[in-house]
Amino acid sequence: MDTRRARSTLLASCTVHFLHDGCAELLYPLFPIWAREFGLSFAQVGLLRSGYSGALAAFQIPAGFLAERYGETRILVAGTLLTAIGFLTLGTAAGFATLLAFLILGGLGSGTQHPLASALVSRAYEEGPRRAALGTYNFSGDLGKIVWTSLAAFLAAWVGWRWATRGIGSLILLSAFGLLAVLGAMLSGPAEGTGASHTRVKQTDWGIRDAGGFRLLATIHGIDNGSRTAFLTFLPFLLIGKGMRVELTGVALALTLAGGATGKFVCGIIAERLGIIRTVILTEAATGLGILLVMVIPYRPALIVLPLLGIALNGTSSVLYGTVAELVHPERRSRVYGLFYTIGIGAGAVAPPIFGTLSDWTNLSVTLVVLSLIVLAILPLAAALQKSVAR
C-alpha cells in the first residue's frame, strides 16, 4: 500500500464529505424559518427535504457509472461545483417552488460524494486498515454536519437566511476550485486504480458476492436513514412547540449531530467487542426509545438527552458501511456504494413528506410514536443478518 497516496486520498475524501454532509444537514434549522416566511405546511417542509435528498439519491448510481468512465475525482469536483451553484441561487428563492428547484440542483451535485469518496477510500486502503479509514471518513461528514448546521443557524440569525445561503454557496465554490488544484495529480483517467481488475467481473454485473446479505443490509440502512432524516426534519418543530426559541434550534441540532459524530467512533468500538449484530440491535433499540423520551420531556432536559440520542441515531451507519465493501468485488464498489447510498438516502427522501402528511392529519406526537415503532422493527432484520455476517 502506498501510504502517502492513501493518506492524501483519505484527506481529500474527508474534505469532500465534510462539505457535502454539512450542506445536507444545514437545511434543518432553515426549515422553520422558511415555514414561517412562506406559510409552509409540514408536508411542504417534508417535500423540501425530499427534493434535496431525492436528487442526491437519484444521482448516486449514475455517478458511480460516470466514475468508471471518467474517474472519481473529476466527477467529485464537478458535483461540488453544482452544489455550490445550488446554494448560491437558493438565496434568491421567492417561494416554495423555487426553494424546491434550487435544493434539487444542490442535491444532484451532492449525489456524487458518498459512492465515489467511499470507493476511493476503500481502494486506497485495500491492504490496510480499511474500517479505520472509513470510520475517519464517516466522522468527517459528521463534523461537517455540526459545523455547517451551527454556522447556518448563526448566519441566518445574524444576516438573514438569504445571505447565509449565498455565503455558504460561495465557500463551497472556493472549496471546489481548491479540490481541483489539490486532486489534479490524481486525475489519472477512467476509474482510478482499477486497471486490469475489470476483467474479473462482467461490465454489466454489480459484483455483489452475497445478494441476500446485501439486501438485508440495504433494508436496515434504508429504515435507519429514513427514520433519522424524518426525526431531524421535525425535531426543530417539536422543540419550538415545547417553548424553545427558533434561533436556538440550531444549537439543539448541533448537540444531536455532535452525539452522532461520537457515535461513529463509540459504536465501532462496541462492534469490536459485542459484534455487528448486537451493536445494531443496541443502537436501534436506544434510538426508538430515545425518540419517545425526547417527545415527552421539556426542552431543557431534552438538550441533555439529544447528544445521547445522537450517538444511537448515527451509530448504526458506522457499523453498516464497512460491511458493504466485504460483500462486493473491489472493481464494482463505486456502483454498489452508489446503490447502497441510493437506497438509504432515497428512504430519507421519501420519509419526510410521508411523516409530514401524517403530522398534518394528526399531530407531531403521533408521528413520533409511529417513527419510533418503525425504528424498533429493525431488530428482527438485524437478527436475520447474522448468517451473512458469519460468512
Protein backbone atom coordinates (compact mmCIF):
# COMPACT_ATOMS: atom_id res chain seq x y z
CA MET A 1 0.00 0.00 0.00
CA ASP A 2 1.28 3.47 -0.96
CA THR A 3 0.89 5.10 2.46
CA ARG A 4 1.40 8.67 1.27
CA ARG A 5 -1.11 8.38 -1.57
CA ALA A 6 -3.59 6.61 0.70
CA ARG A 7 -3.42 9.42 3.26
CA SER A 8 -3.80 12.05 0.54
CA THR A 9 -6.84 10.21 -0.81
CA LEU A 10 -8.33 9.97 2.67
CA LEU A 11 -7.73 13.68 3.37
CA ALA A 12 -9.35 14.73 0.08
CA SER A 13 -12.30 12.39 0.61
CA CYS A 14 -12.80 13.67 4.17
CA THR A 15 -12.80 17.26 2.89
CA VAL A 16 -15.47 16.47 0.31
CA HIS A 17 -17.51 14.57 2.90
CA PHE A 18 -17.24 17.50 5.35
CA LEU A 19 -18.63 19.88 2.72
CA HIS A 20 -21.46 17.81 1.30
CA ASP A 21 -22.81 16.27 4.50
CA GLY A 22 -22.74 19.74 6.04
CA CYS A 23 -24.84 21.06 3.15
CA ALA A 24 -27.45 18.34 3.67
CA GLU A 25 -27.80 18.97 7.41
CA LEU A 26 -27.71 22.79 7.49
CA LEU A 27 -31.20 22.77 5.97
CA TYR A 28 -32.78 21.65 9.25
CA PRO A 29 -32.54 24.99 11.13
CA LEU A 30 -33.74 26.78 7.97
CA PHE A 31 -36.98 24.80 7.67
CA PRO A 32 -38.85 26.63 10.49
CA ILE A 33 -37.69 29.98 9.05
CA TRP A 34 -38.97 29.08 5.58
CA ALA A 35 -42.21 27.68 7.03
CA ARG A 36 -42.87 30.98 8.80
CA GLU A 37 -41.86 33.24 5.89
CA PHE A 38 -43.65 31.32 3.13
CA GLY A 39 -46.52 29.79 5.16
CA LEU A 40 -45.50 26.18 4.51
CA SER A 41 -47.28 23.11 5.88
CA PHE A 42 -45.48 20.13 7.44
CA ALA A 43 -46.00 18.23 4.18
CA GLN A 44 -44.35 21.01 2.18
CA VAL A 45 -41.42 21.11 4.59
CA GLY A 46 -41.08 17.37 4.09
CA LEU A 47 -41.12 17.84 0.31
CA LEU A 48 -38.27 20.38 0.56
CA ARG A 49 -36.24 17.81 2.49
CA SER A 50 -37.20 15.21 -0.12
CA GLY A 51 -36.21 17.49 -3.00
CA TYR A 52 -32.63 17.68 -1.81
CA SER A 53 -32.36 14.09 -0.58
CA GLY A 54 -34.23 12.67 -3.56
CA ALA A 55 -31.97 14.39 -6.09
CA LEU A 56 -28.93 13.29 -4.08
CA ALA A 57 -30.17 9.70 -4.03
CA ALA A 58 -31.15 9.64 -7.71
CA PHE A 59 -27.73 10.71 -8.97
CA GLN A 60 -25.60 8.33 -6.92
CA ILE A 61 -25.84 5.31 -9.22
CA PRO A 62 -25.25 7.40 -12.38
CA ALA A 63 -22.30 9.00 -10.58
CA GLY A 64 -20.84 5.54 -9.99
CA PHE A 65 -21.09 4.66 -13.68
CA LEU A 66 -19.67 8.04 -14.73
CA ALA A 67 -16.76 7.50 -12.35
CA GLU A 68 -15.91 4.19 -14.03
CA ARG A 69 -15.50 6.10 -17.29
CA TYR A 70 -14.08 9.48 -16.25
CA GLY A 71 -12.59 8.82 -12.80
CA GLU A 72 -13.92 9.52 -9.32
CA THR A 73 -12.03 12.76 -8.73
CA ARG A 74 -13.31 14.54 -11.86
CA ILE A 75 -16.92 13.71 -11.01
CA LEU A 76 -16.43 14.71 -7.36
CA VAL A 77 -15.13 18.17 -8.31
CA ALA A 78 -17.92 18.67 -10.87
CA GLY A 79 -20.54 17.66 -8.27
CA THR A 80 -19.13 20.09 -5.71
CA LEU A 81 -19.36 22.92 -8.26
CA LEU A 82 -23.01 22.05 -8.93
CA THR A 83 -23.82 22.05 -5.21
CA ALA A 84 -22.20 25.48 -4.88
CA ILE A 85 -24.42 26.83 -7.67
CA GLY A 86 -27.50 25.36 -5.96
CA PHE A 87 -26.79 27.17 -2.67
CA LEU A 88 -25.82 30.43 -4.37
CA THR A 89 -29.16 30.51 -6.20
CA LEU A 90 -31.08 29.39 -3.09
CA GLY A 91 -30.64 32.89 -1.68
CA THR A 92 -32.84 34.27 -4.48
CA ALA A 93 -35.80 31.91 -3.83
CA ALA A 94 -39.21 33.58 -3.84
CA GLY A 95 -41.39 30.74 -2.54
CA PHE A 96 -41.90 27.00 -2.22
CA ALA A 97 -41.42 26.16 -5.92
CA THR A 98 -38.11 27.99 -6.30
CA LEU A 99 -36.83 26.69 -2.95
CA LEU A 100 -37.56 23.17 -4.16
CA ALA A 101 -35.93 23.72 -7.57
CA PHE A 102 -32.68 25.10 -6.12
CA LEU A 103 -32.50 22.38 -3.47
CA ILE A 104 -32.86 19.73 -6.19
CA LEU A 105 -29.96 21.35 -8.07
CA GLY A 106 -27.75 21.29 -4.98
CA GLY A 107 -28.77 17.72 -4.19
CA LEU A 108 -27.77 16.49 -7.65
CA GLY A 109 -24.25 17.78 -7.07
CA SER A 110 -24.02 16.16 -3.65
CA GLY A 111 -25.09 12.85 -5.17
CA THR A 112 -21.52 12.34 -6.39
CA GLN A 113 -19.89 12.35 -2.98
CA HIS A 114 -20.87 9.26 -0.99
CA PRO A 115 -20.33 6.47 -3.52
CA LEU A 116 -17.19 7.90 -5.12
CA ALA A 117 -15.35 9.04 -2.00
CA SER A 118 -16.19 5.76 -0.23
CA ALA A 119 -14.84 3.81 -3.21
CA LEU A 120 -11.67 5.91 -3.27
CA VAL A 121 -11.02 5.31 0.43
CA SER A 122 -11.82 1.58 0.20
CA ARG A 123 -9.42 1.19 -2.73
CA ALA A 124 -6.66 3.26 -1.13
CA TYR A 125 -6.77 1.05 1.98
CA GLU A 126 -7.38 -2.27 0.21
CA GLU A 127 -4.40 -3.81 2.02
CA GLY A 128 -4.51 -1.56 5.09
CA PRO A 129 -6.83 -0.52 7.95
CA ARG A 130 -9.90 -0.01 5.75
CA ARG A 131 -12.50 0.07 8.54
CA ALA A 132 -10.48 2.66 10.45
CA ALA A 133 -10.09 4.74 7.28
CA LEU A 134 -13.81 4.56 6.53
CA GLY A 135 -14.53 5.45 10.16
CA THR A 136 -12.37 8.57 9.78
CA TYR A 137 -14.14 9.38 6.53
CA ASN A 138 -17.55 8.99 8.19
CA PHE A 139 -16.50 11.14 11.14
CA SER A 140 -15.50 13.98 8.79
CA GLY A 141 -19.07 14.02 7.47
CA ASP A 142 -20.48 14.25 10.98
CA LEU A 143 -18.05 17.03 11.81
CA GLY A 144 -19.34 18.88 8.74
CA LYS A 145 -22.91 18.40 9.94
CA ILE A 146 -22.10 20.01 13.30
CA VAL A 147 -20.10 22.93 11.87
CA TRP A 148 -22.39 23.77 8.96
CA THR A 149 -25.63 23.41 10.93
CA SER A 150 -24.33 25.73 13.66
CA LEU A 151 -22.95 28.14 11.05
CA ALA A 152 -26.24 28.24 9.13
CA ALA A 153 -28.25 28.91 12.30
CA PHE A 154 -25.84 31.67 13.38
CA LEU A 155 -25.68 33.36 9.96
CA ALA A 156 -29.45 33.16 9.47
CA ALA A 157 -29.96 34.97 12.78
CA TRP A 158 -27.19 37.49 12.04
CA VAL A 159 -27.57 38.41 8.35
CA GLY A 160 -30.75 36.56 7.34
CA TRP A 161 -31.14 33.18 5.65
CA ARG A 162 -30.70 34.55 2.11
CA TRP A 163 -27.22 35.94 2.75
CA ALA A 164 -26.43 32.86 4.83
CA THR A 165 -27.08 30.50 1.92
CA ARG A 166 -25.21 32.76 -0.51
CA GLY A 167 -22.21 32.86 1.81
CA ILE A 168 -22.25 29.09 2.21
CA GLY A 169 -22.52 28.67 -1.57
CA SER A 170 -19.50 30.92 -2.03
CA LEU A 171 -17.46 28.85 0.42
CA ILE A 172 -18.39 25.65 -1.41
CA LEU A 173 -17.43 27.23 -4.74
CA LEU A 174 -13.98 28.20 -3.44
CA SER A 175 -13.57 24.72 -1.97
CA ALA A 176 -14.39 23.12 -5.32
CA PHE A 177 -11.58 25.02 -7.01
CA GLY A 178 -9.27 24.14 -4.13
CA LEU A 179 -10.12 20.46 -4.51
CA LEU A 180 -9.45 20.66 -8.24
CA ALA A 181 -5.97 22.04 -7.56
CA VAL A 182 -5.15 19.55 -4.81
CA LEU A 183 -6.50 16.50 -6.63
CA GLY A 184 -5.01 17.43 -10.00
CA ALA A 185 -2.25 14.86 -9.64
CA MET A 186 -4.83 12.13 -9.02
CA LEU A 187 -6.76 12.74 -12.27
CA SER A 188 -5.43 9.67 -13.94
CA GLY A 189 -8.23 8.79 -16.29
CA PRO A 190 -11.14 6.36 -16.03
CA ALA A 191 -11.73 4.60 -12.74
CA GLU A 192 -8.53 5.42 -10.93
CA GLY A 193 -6.70 2.41 -9.69
CA THR A 194 -8.99 -0.25 -11.13
CA GLY A 195 -6.78 -1.24 -14.04
CA ALA A 196 -6.97 -4.79 -15.27
CA SER A 197 -9.17 -5.91 -12.41
CA HIS A 198 -12.22 -5.21 -14.60
CA THR A 199 -11.59 -8.50 -16.39
CA ARG A 200 -12.71 -10.45 -13.29
CA VAL A 201 -16.28 -9.13 -13.38
CA LYS A 202 -18.51 -8.58 -16.40
CA GLN A 203 -19.21 -4.95 -17.22
CA THR A 204 -22.94 -5.48 -16.66
CA ASP A 205 -22.51 -7.21 -13.28
CA TRP A 206 -22.84 -5.45 -9.93
CA GLY A 207 -20.21 -7.69 -8.38
CA ILE A 208 -22.22 -8.43 -5.22
CA ARG A 209 -20.90 -11.62 -3.61
CA ASP A 210 -23.77 -12.20 -1.13
CA ALA A 211 -27.06 -10.95 -2.57
CA GLY A 212 -29.18 -12.00 0.42
CA GLY A 213 -26.85 -10.35 2.90
CA PHE A 214 -26.68 -7.18 0.84
CA ARG A 215 -30.49 -6.98 0.63
CA LEU A 216 -30.82 -7.21 4.41
CA LEU A 217 -28.01 -4.73 4.93
CA ALA A 218 -29.58 -2.26 2.49
CA THR A 219 -33.05 -2.67 4.05
CA ILE A 220 -31.70 -1.90 7.52
CA HIS A 221 -29.82 1.08 6.07
CA GLY A 222 -32.97 2.36 4.37
CA ILE A 223 -35.12 2.19 7.51
CA ASP A 224 -32.32 3.63 9.65
CA ASN A 225 -31.60 6.58 7.36
CA GLY A 226 -35.26 7.29 6.59
CA SER A 227 -36.23 7.42 10.27
CA ARG A 228 -33.19 9.53 11.12
CA THR A 229 -33.95 12.08 8.38
CA ALA A 230 -37.62 12.33 9.36
CA PHE A 231 -36.77 12.82 13.04
CA LEU A 232 -34.21 15.56 12.37
CA THR A 233 -36.58 17.32 9.94
CA PHE A 234 -39.30 17.72 12.56
CA LEU A 235 -37.14 17.97 15.70
CA PRO A 236 -36.99 21.82 15.50
CA PHE A 237 -40.79 21.97 15.32
CA LEU A 238 -41.08 19.64 18.33
CA LEU A 239 -38.71 21.83 20.36
CA ILE A 240 -40.41 25.08 19.28
CA GLY A 241 -43.71 23.55 20.40
CA LYS A 242 -42.12 22.98 23.84
CA GLY A 243 -41.21 26.68 24.10
CA MET A 244 -37.72 26.86 22.58
CA ARG A 245 -36.86 29.95 20.53
CA VAL A 246 -36.35 29.36 16.79
CA GLU A 247 -32.75 30.57 16.79
CA LEU A 248 -31.82 28.04 19.50
CA THR A 249 -32.94 25.04 17.46
CA GLY A 250 -29.60 25.14 15.64
CA VAL A 251 -27.89 24.52 18.99
CA ALA A 252 -30.15 21.53 19.67
CA LEU A 253 -29.41 20.10 16.24
CA ALA A 254 -25.68 20.67 16.69
CA LEU A 255 -25.79 18.79 20.02
CA THR A 256 -27.61 15.90 18.36
CA LEU A 257 -25.14 15.79 15.49
CA ALA A 258 -22.19 16.02 17.89
CA GLY A 259 -23.55 12.94 19.59
CA GLY A 260 -23.83 11.34 16.15
CA ALA A 261 -20.18 12.05 15.40
CA THR A 262 -19.22 10.47 18.71
CA GLY A 263 -21.42 7.51 17.87
CA LYS A 264 -19.39 6.75 14.75
CA PHE A 265 -16.38 6.03 16.98
CA VAL A 266 -18.14 4.63 20.04
CA CYS A 267 -20.27 2.17 18.08
CA GLY A 268 -17.23 1.00 16.13
CA ILE A 269 -15.53 0.12 19.40
CA ILE A 270 -18.70 -1.53 20.70
CA ALA A 271 -18.96 -3.58 17.49
CA GLU A 272 -15.43 -4.88 18.04
CA ARG A 273 -16.45 -6.17 21.48
CA LEU A 274 -20.10 -7.19 21.01
CA GLY A 275 -20.19 -7.91 17.28
CA ILE A 276 -22.04 -6.19 14.42
CA ILE A 277 -25.50 -7.66 15.07
CA ARG A 278 -25.61 -6.97 18.80
CA THR A 279 -24.39 -3.43 18.18
CA VAL A 280 -27.11 -2.74 15.60
CA ILE A 281 -29.76 -4.11 17.96
CA LEU A 282 -28.41 -1.94 20.78
CA THR A 283 -28.30 1.28 18.75
CA GLU A 284 -31.73 0.83 17.16
CA ALA A 285 -33.40 -0.02 20.47
CA ALA A 286 -31.80 3.08 22.02
CA THR A 287 -32.95 5.20 19.06
CA GLY A 288 -36.58 4.09 19.22
CA LEU A 289 -36.83 4.58 22.99
CA GLY A 290 -34.84 7.85 22.83
CA ILE A 291 -37.29 9.39 20.36
CA LEU A 292 -40.16 8.63 22.75
CA LEU A 293 -38.25 10.14 25.66
CA VAL A 294 -37.46 13.41 23.84
CA MET A 295 -41.11 13.65 22.85
CA VAL A 296 -42.44 13.65 26.44
CA ILE A 297 -39.84 15.70 28.39
CA PRO A 298 -39.45 19.53 28.43
CA TYR A 299 -36.95 21.06 26.03
CA ARG A 300 -34.27 21.87 28.64
CA PRO A 301 -33.80 18.24 29.75
CA ALA A 302 -34.15 17.27 26.10
CA LEU A 303 -30.95 19.21 25.37
CA ILE A 304 -29.15 16.77 27.70
CA VAL A 305 -30.75 13.71 26.11
CA LEU A 306 -30.25 14.73 22.46
CA PRO A 307 -26.45 14.13 22.32
CA LEU A 308 -27.00 10.65 23.78
CA LEU A 309 -29.77 10.01 21.28
CA GLY A 310 -27.44 11.22 18.53
CA ILE A 311 -24.92 8.51 19.43
CA ALA A 312 -27.52 5.81 18.76
CA LEU A 313 -29.11 7.68 15.86
CA ASN A 314 -25.88 7.72 13.82
CA GLY A 315 -24.09 4.76 15.36
CA THR A 316 -25.71 2.10 13.19
CA SER A 317 -24.36 3.57 9.96
CA SER A 318 -20.72 3.22 11.04
CA VAL A 319 -21.29 -0.50 11.52
CA LEU A 320 -23.03 -0.93 8.15
CA TYR A 321 -20.72 0.99 5.78
CA GLY A 322 -17.62 -1.12 6.36
CA THR A 323 -19.61 -4.31 5.72
CA VAL A 324 -20.58 -3.22 2.19
CA ALA A 325 -17.01 -3.47 0.87
CA GLU A 326 -16.76 -7.04 2.14
CA LEU A 327 -19.82 -8.12 0.12
CA VAL A 328 -18.66 -6.62 -3.20
CA HIS A 329 -15.81 -7.17 -5.69
CA PRO A 330 -13.33 -4.24 -5.42
CA GLU A 331 -13.76 -3.07 -9.04
CA ARG A 332 -17.52 -2.64 -8.59
CA ARG A 333 -17.52 -0.69 -5.33
CA SER A 334 -18.27 2.70 -6.92
CA ARG A 335 -21.56 1.50 -8.40
CA VAL A 336 -22.54 -0.68 -5.43
CA TYR A 337 -21.79 2.06 -2.91
CA GLY A 338 -23.93 4.22 -5.21
CA LEU A 339 -26.73 1.65 -4.98
CA PHE A 340 -26.35 1.32 -1.20
CA TYR A 341 -26.42 5.06 -0.58
CA THR A 342 -29.27 5.49 -3.04
CA ILE A 343 -31.40 3.08 -1.03
CA GLY A 344 -30.56 4.82 2.25
CA ILE A 345 -30.83 8.40 1.10
CA GLY A 346 -33.81 7.54 -1.11
CA ALA A 347 -35.58 6.34 2.03
CA GLY A 348 -34.52 9.61 3.66
CA ALA A 349 -36.11 11.48 0.75
CA VAL A 350 -39.41 9.59 0.90
CA ALA A 351 -39.85 9.64 4.69
CA PRO A 352 -40.20 13.39 5.49
CA PRO A 353 -43.27 14.15 3.31
CA ILE A 354 -44.95 10.93 4.48
CA PHE A 355 -44.43 11.78 8.13
CA GLY A 356 -45.17 15.44 7.41
CA THR A 357 -48.54 14.49 5.94
CA LEU A 358 -49.21 12.27 8.96
CA SER A 359 -48.40 15.24 11.22
CA ASP A 360 -50.80 17.48 9.28
CA TRP A 361 -53.57 14.88 9.60
CA THR A 362 -52.95 14.06 13.27
CA ASN A 363 -50.20 15.78 15.27
CA LEU A 364 -46.44 15.62 15.73
CA SER A 365 -46.65 13.37 18.79
CA VAL A 366 -48.49 10.65 16.86
CA THR A 367 -45.88 10.89 14.12
CA LEU A 368 -43.00 10.41 16.56
CA VAL A 369 -44.64 7.36 18.15
CA VAL A 370 -45.08 5.76 14.72
CA LEU A 371 -41.49 6.67 13.85
CA SER A 372 -40.11 5.02 16.98
CA LEU A 373 -42.06 1.81 16.25
CA ILE A 374 -40.63 1.69 12.73
CA VAL A 375 -37.11 2.03 14.13
CA LEU A 376 -37.73 -0.88 16.51
CA ALA A 377 -38.80 -3.01 13.51
CA ILE A 378 -35.11 -3.16 12.54
CA LEU A 379 -34.37 -5.51 15.45
CA PRO A 380 -35.63 -8.75 13.80
CA LEU A 381 -33.99 -7.75 10.49
CA ALA A 382 -30.65 -7.37 12.26
CA ALA A 383 -31.03 -10.83 13.75
CA ALA A 384 -31.69 -12.25 10.27
CA LEU A 385 -28.43 -10.68 9.02
CA GLN A 386 -26.39 -12.84 11.41
CA LYS A 387 -25.75 -15.65 8.87
CA SER A 388 -24.32 -13.30 6.24
CA VAL A 389 -22.09 -11.61 8.81
CA ALA A 390 -20.84 -15.00 9.97
CA ARG A 391 -19.96 -15.99 6.38
